[in-house]
Amino acid sequence: MKRVSITLPEGTVEEIDRHDSNRSRFVQVAVAHELERRRRLQLERSLDMSHVEAGELAEAGFDEWLAARDESDLELVDLGRGTPVRWQPGRGWLEIDE
């Protein structure tokens, strides 16, 4: 644990005190919730963005990728499992309707 000092408006402190007599615990829980919210938002933004690496992989194609693998890597790929997808620039990986 590390001690920090923060400054809050008086009304905010009064409201915290109405909910919890342990201000430190209340602020710790509130900060943990906010950090988790921001992590999720950052992940959502990342998933919504097109990644250059994914586009390069899609351009190379699965066959080229597979040909470049060492035989010991091939056991990592089970062609009978998963969901068929294709890369669409600006939209990311999209499920293929078969």
N, C-alpha and C. Protein backbone atom coordinates (compact mmCIF):
# COMPACT_ATOMS: atom_id res chain seq x y z
N MET A 1 0.85 -1.18 0.00
CA MET A 1 0.00 0.00 0.00
C MET A 1 0.89 1.23 0.00
N LYS A 2 0.37 2.28 -0.59
CA LYS A 2 1.08 3.54 -0.61
C LYS A 2 0.10 4.65 -0.27
N ARG A 3 0.51 5.53 0.61
CA ARG A 3 -0.34 6.63 1.04
C ARG A 3 -0.25 7.76 0.03
N VAL A 4 -1.43 8.29 -0.35
CA VAL A 4 -1.49 9.44 -1.24
C VAL A 4 -2.48 10.44 -0.66
N SER A 5 -2.31 11.67 -1.04
CA SER A 5 -3.25 12.72 -0.63
C SER A 5 -4.01 13.19 -1.85
N ILE A 6 -5.32 13.30 -1.72
CA ILE A 6 -6.13 13.82 -2.82
C ILE A 6 -7.00 14.93 -2.27
N THR A 7 -7.42 15.81 -3.15
CA THR A 7 -8.30 16.91 -2.78
C THR A 7 -9.62 16.71 -3.50
N LEU A 8 -10.71 16.71 -2.73
CA LEU A 8 -12.04 16.53 -3.29
C LEU A 8 -12.93 17.66 -2.83
N PRO A 9 -13.94 17.98 -3.62
CA PRO A 9 -14.90 18.99 -3.17
C PRO A 9 -15.58 18.53 -1.88
N GLU A 10 -15.90 19.49 -1.03
CA GLU A 10 -16.50 19.17 0.28
C GLU A 10 -17.78 18.35 0.14
N GLY A 11 -18.60 18.68 -0.83
CA GLY A 11 -19.84 17.94 -1.04
C GLY A 11 -19.60 16.49 -1.41
N THR A 12 -18.55 16.24 -2.17
CA THR A 12 -18.20 14.87 -2.55
C THR A 12 -17.78 14.08 -1.31
N VAL A 13 -16.99 14.69 -0.45
CA VAL A 13 -16.55 14.02 0.78
C VAL A 13 -17.75 13.72 1.67
N GLU A 14 -18.67 14.66 1.77
CA GLU A 14 -19.87 14.43 2.59
C GLU A 14 -20.69 13.27 2.03
N GLU A 15 -20.79 13.20 0.72
CA GLU A 15 -21.55 12.10 0.11
C GLU A 15 -20.85 10.76 0.33
N ILE A 16 -19.53 10.75 0.22
CA ILE A 16 -18.78 9.53 0.51
C ILE A 16 -19.06 9.09 1.94
N ASP A 17 -19.01 10.02 2.87
CA ASP A 17 -19.23 9.71 4.29
C ASP A 17 -20.63 9.15 4.54
N ARG A 18 -21.61 9.56 3.75
CA ARG A 18 -22.97 9.02 3.89
C ARG A 18 -23.03 7.55 3.46
N HIS A 19 -22.12 7.15 2.56
CA HIS A 19 -22.14 5.79 2.03
C HIS A 19 -21.18 4.85 2.75
N ASP A 20 -20.07 5.39 3.25
CA ASP A 20 -19.05 4.52 3.85
C ASP A 20 -18.22 5.35 4.82
N SER A 21 -18.03 4.83 6.00
CA SER A 21 -17.23 5.57 6.99
C SER A 21 -15.74 5.45 6.71
N ASN A 22 -15.35 4.50 5.87
CA ASN A 22 -13.94 4.31 5.52
C ASN A 22 -13.70 4.96 4.15
N ARG A 23 -13.29 6.21 4.16
CA ARG A 23 -13.09 6.97 2.90
C ARG A 23 -12.05 6.29 2.01
N SER A 24 -10.98 5.81 2.61
CA SER A 24 -9.92 5.19 1.82
C SER A 24 -10.45 3.99 1.04
N ARG A 25 -11.22 3.15 1.73
CA ARG A 25 -11.78 1.97 1.06
C ARG A 25 -12.74 2.40 -0.05
N PHE A 26 -13.57 3.40 0.22
CA PHE A 26 -14.53 3.87 -0.78
C PHE A 26 -13.80 4.38 -2.03
N VAL A 27 -12.77 5.19 -1.83
CA VAL A 27 -12.01 5.73 -2.96
C VAL A 27 -11.28 4.60 -3.68
N GLN A 28 -10.72 3.65 -2.95
CA GLN A 28 -10.02 2.53 -3.58
C GLN A 28 -10.96 1.73 -4.47
N VAL A 29 -12.16 1.43 -4.00
CA VAL A 29 -13.13 0.68 -4.80
C VAL A 29 -13.55 1.50 -6.02
N ALA A 30 -13.80 2.79 -5.82
CA ALA A 30 -14.21 3.65 -6.93
C ALA A 30 -13.12 3.74 -8.01
N VAL A 31 -11.88 3.86 -7.58
CA VAL A 31 -10.76 3.94 -8.53
C VAL A 31 -10.60 2.61 -9.25
N ALA A 32 -10.74 1.50 -8.55
CA ALA A 32 -10.63 0.18 -9.19
C ALA A 32 -11.70 0.02 -10.26
N HIS A 33 -12.93 0.46 -9.97
CA HIS A 33 -14.01 0.38 -10.97
C HIS A 33 -13.70 1.25 -12.18
N GLU A 34 -13.20 2.43 -11.94
CA GLU A 34 -12.89 3.34 -13.06
C GLU A 34 -11.74 2.80 -13.91
N LEU A 35 -10.72 2.24 -13.28
CA LEU A 35 -9.61 1.66 -14.04
C LEU A 35 -10.09 0.48 -14.89
N GLU A 36 -10.95 -0.36 -14.33
CA GLU A 36 -11.50 -1.48 -15.09
C GLU A 36 -12.33 -0.98 -16.26
N ARG A 37 -13.14 0.06 -16.05
CA ARG A 37 -13.95 0.64 -17.12
C ARG A 37 -13.06 1.15 -18.25
N ARG A 38 -11.98 1.82 -17.89
CA ARG A 38 -11.07 2.35 -18.91
C ARG A 38 -10.33 1.24 -19.65
N ARG A 39 -9.95 0.16 -18.94
CA ARG A 39 -9.31 -0.98 -19.61
C ARG A 39 -10.25 -1.61 -20.63
N ARG A 40 -11.51 -1.76 -20.25
CA ARG A 40 -12.49 -2.33 -21.18
C ARG A 40 -12.71 -1.42 -22.39
N LEU A 41 -12.78 -0.13 -22.14
CA LEU A 41 -12.96 0.83 -23.23
C LEU A 41 -11.76 0.79 -24.17
N GLN A 42 -10.57 0.72 -23.63
CA GLN A 42 -9.36 0.64 -24.44
C GLN A 42 -9.36 -0.65 -25.28
N LEU A 43 -9.77 -1.76 -24.68
CA LEU A 43 -9.85 -3.02 -25.41
C LEU A 43 -10.88 -2.93 -26.53
N GLU A 44 -12.05 -2.36 -26.24
CA GLU A 44 -13.08 -2.20 -27.27
C GLU A 44 -12.56 -1.35 -28.42
N ARG A 45 -11.88 -0.27 -28.12
CA ARG A 45 -11.32 0.58 -29.18
C ARG A 45 -10.30 -0.18 -30.00
N SER A 46 -9.46 -0.96 -29.32
CA SER A 46 -8.44 -1.74 -30.01
C SER A 46 -9.08 -2.75 -30.94
N LEU A 47 -10.13 -3.43 -30.48
CA LEU A 47 -10.80 -4.43 -31.30
C LEU A 47 -11.53 -3.81 -32.48
N ASP A 48 -11.99 -2.57 -32.31
CA ASP A 48 -12.70 -1.89 -33.40
C ASP A 48 -11.75 -1.37 -34.47
N MET A 49 -10.48 -1.19 -34.11
CA MET A 49 -9.52 -0.62 -35.05
C MET A 49 -8.91 -1.72 -35.91
N SER A 50 -8.63 -1.38 -37.15
CA SER A 50 -7.94 -2.32 -38.02
C SER A 50 -6.47 -2.33 -37.62
N HIS A 51 -5.91 -3.51 -37.46
CA HIS A 51 -4.51 -3.64 -37.12
C HIS A 51 -3.71 -3.98 -38.37
N VAL A 52 -2.63 -3.27 -38.59
CA VAL A 52 -1.79 -3.47 -39.76
C VAL A 52 -1.34 -4.92 -39.87
N GLU A 53 -0.96 -5.50 -38.73
CA GLU A 53 -0.48 -6.88 -38.75
C GLU A 53 -1.55 -7.84 -39.26
N ALA A 54 -2.79 -7.60 -38.87
CA ALA A 54 -3.87 -8.49 -39.31
C ALA A 54 -4.07 -8.37 -40.81
N GLY A 55 -3.99 -7.15 -41.33
CA GLY A 55 -4.12 -6.96 -42.77
C GLY A 55 -3.00 -7.64 -43.53
N GLU A 56 -1.79 -7.55 -43.03
CA GLU A 56 -0.65 -8.21 -43.68
C GLU A 56 -0.82 -9.72 -43.68
N LEU A 57 -1.29 -10.26 -42.56
CA LEU A 57 -1.52 -11.69 -42.47
C LEU A 57 -2.61 -12.11 -43.47
N ALA A 58 -3.66 -11.33 -43.56
CA ALA A 58 -4.74 -11.65 -44.49
C ALA A 58 -4.26 -11.59 -45.93
N GLU A 59 -3.42 -10.61 -46.25
CA GLU A 59 -2.90 -10.50 -47.61
C GLU A 59 -2.00 -11.69 -47.95
N ALA A 60 -1.22 -12.13 -46.99
CA ALA A 60 -0.34 -13.27 -47.23
C ALA A 60 -1.16 -14.53 -47.46
N GLY A 61 -2.29 -14.63 -46.78
CA GLY A 61 -3.16 -15.77 -46.95
C GLY A 61 -2.75 -16.94 -46.08
N PHE A 62 -3.70 -17.77 -45.77
CA PHE A 62 -3.47 -18.89 -44.88
C PHE A 62 -2.51 -19.91 -45.49
N ASP A 63 -2.63 -20.16 -46.79
CA ASP A 63 -1.77 -21.16 -47.43
C ASP A 63 -0.30 -20.78 -47.33
N GLU A 64 0.01 -19.49 -47.57
CA GLU A 64 1.39 -19.03 -47.46
C GLU A 64 1.88 -19.11 -46.01
N TRP A 65 1.00 -18.75 -45.10
CA TRP A 65 1.37 -18.82 -43.68
C TRP A 65 1.64 -20.27 -43.30
N LEU A 66 0.76 -21.15 -43.74
CA LEU A 66 0.90 -22.56 -43.42
C LEU A 66 2.19 -23.13 -44.01
N ALA A 67 2.52 -22.73 -45.25
CA ALA A 67 3.73 -23.21 -45.91
C ALA A 67 5.00 -22.76 -45.19
N ALA A 68 4.94 -21.62 -44.54
CA ALA A 68 6.11 -21.07 -43.84
C ALA A 68 6.32 -21.68 -42.46
N ARG A 69 5.37 -22.47 -41.98
CA ARG A 69 5.47 -23.06 -40.65
C ARG A 69 6.38 -24.27 -40.65
N ASP A 70 7.03 -24.47 -39.55
CA ASP A 70 7.81 -25.68 -39.29
C ASP A 70 6.81 -26.81 -39.05
N GLU A 71 7.15 -28.04 -39.38
CA GLU A 71 6.22 -29.16 -39.22
C GLU A 71 5.74 -29.29 -37.78
N SER A 72 6.58 -28.95 -36.81
CA SER A 72 6.15 -29.06 -35.42
C SER A 72 5.06 -28.05 -35.09
N ASP A 73 4.97 -26.96 -35.88
CA ASP A 73 3.93 -25.95 -35.67
C ASP A 73 2.58 -26.41 -36.21
N LEU A 74 2.56 -27.35 -37.15
CA LEU A 74 1.33 -27.72 -37.82
C LEU A 74 0.30 -28.34 -36.88
N GLU A 75 0.76 -28.95 -35.82
CA GLU A 75 -0.19 -29.53 -34.88
C GLU A 75 -1.00 -28.46 -34.16
N LEU A 76 -0.58 -27.20 -34.25
CA LEU A 76 -1.31 -26.10 -33.63
C LEU A 76 -2.56 -25.74 -34.43
N VAL A 77 -2.64 -26.18 -35.69
CA VAL A 77 -3.73 -25.80 -36.57
C VAL A 77 -4.65 -26.99 -36.76
N ASP A 78 -5.89 -26.84 -36.35
CA ASP A 78 -6.91 -27.87 -36.56
C ASP A 78 -7.93 -27.29 -37.53
N LEU A 79 -7.84 -27.68 -38.80
CA LEU A 79 -8.70 -27.12 -39.83
C LEU A 79 -10.17 -27.47 -39.63
N GLY A 80 -10.47 -28.46 -38.83
CA GLY A 80 -11.85 -28.86 -38.60
C GLY A 80 -12.54 -28.06 -37.51
N ARG A 81 -11.82 -27.15 -36.88
CA ARG A 81 -12.39 -26.37 -35.77
C ARG A 81 -12.39 -24.90 -36.12
N GLY A 82 -13.10 -24.14 -35.34
CA GLY A 82 -13.10 -22.69 -35.50
C GLY A 82 -14.20 -22.19 -36.42
N THR A 83 -14.18 -20.90 -36.66
CA THR A 83 -15.16 -20.24 -37.50
C THR A 83 -14.45 -19.63 -38.69
N PRO A 84 -14.90 -19.93 -39.91
CA PRO A 84 -14.27 -19.33 -41.09
C PRO A 84 -14.45 -17.80 -41.07
N VAL A 85 -13.35 -17.08 -41.30
CA VAL A 85 -13.39 -15.62 -41.31
C VAL A 85 -12.60 -15.10 -42.51
N ARG A 86 -12.82 -13.84 -42.82
CA ARG A 86 -12.03 -13.17 -43.85
C ARG A 86 -11.75 -11.76 -43.34
N TRP A 87 -10.67 -11.18 -43.84
CA TRP A 87 -10.27 -9.84 -43.44
C TRP A 87 -10.90 -8.82 -44.39
N GLN A 88 -11.52 -7.79 -43.84
CA GLN A 88 -12.04 -6.71 -44.65
C GLN A 88 -11.42 -5.41 -44.12
N PRO A 89 -10.59 -4.74 -44.95
CA PRO A 89 -9.94 -3.51 -44.50
C PRO A 89 -10.97 -2.52 -43.94
N GLY A 90 -10.63 -1.93 -42.83
CA GLY A 90 -11.51 -0.95 -42.20
C GLY A 90 -12.58 -1.56 -41.31
N ARG A 91 -12.81 -2.87 -41.44
CA ARG A 91 -13.84 -3.53 -40.64
C ARG A 91 -13.28 -4.65 -39.78
N GLY A 92 -12.11 -5.18 -40.17
CA GLY A 92 -11.51 -6.25 -39.40
C GLY A 92 -11.91 -7.61 -39.90
N TRP A 93 -11.84 -8.61 -39.00
CA TRP A 93 -12.16 -9.98 -39.36
C TRP A 93 -13.67 -10.16 -39.32
N LEU A 94 -14.23 -10.71 -40.41
CA LEU A 94 -15.66 -10.94 -40.51
C LEU A 94 -15.93 -12.42 -40.74
N GLU A 95 -16.98 -12.92 -40.12
CA GLU A 95 -17.34 -14.31 -40.27
C GLU A 95 -17.83 -14.55 -41.70
N ILE A 96 -17.42 -15.70 -42.27
CA ILE A 96 -17.82 -16.05 -43.63
C ILE A 96 -19.09 -16.89 -43.56
N ASP A 97 -20.13 -16.48 -44.29
CA ASP A 97 -21.37 -17.26 -44.36
C ASP A 97 -21.17 -18.37 -45.36
N GLU A 98 -21.35 -19.60 -44.93
CA GLU A 98 -21.18 -20.74 -45.84
C GLU A 98 -22.51 -21.33 -46.17
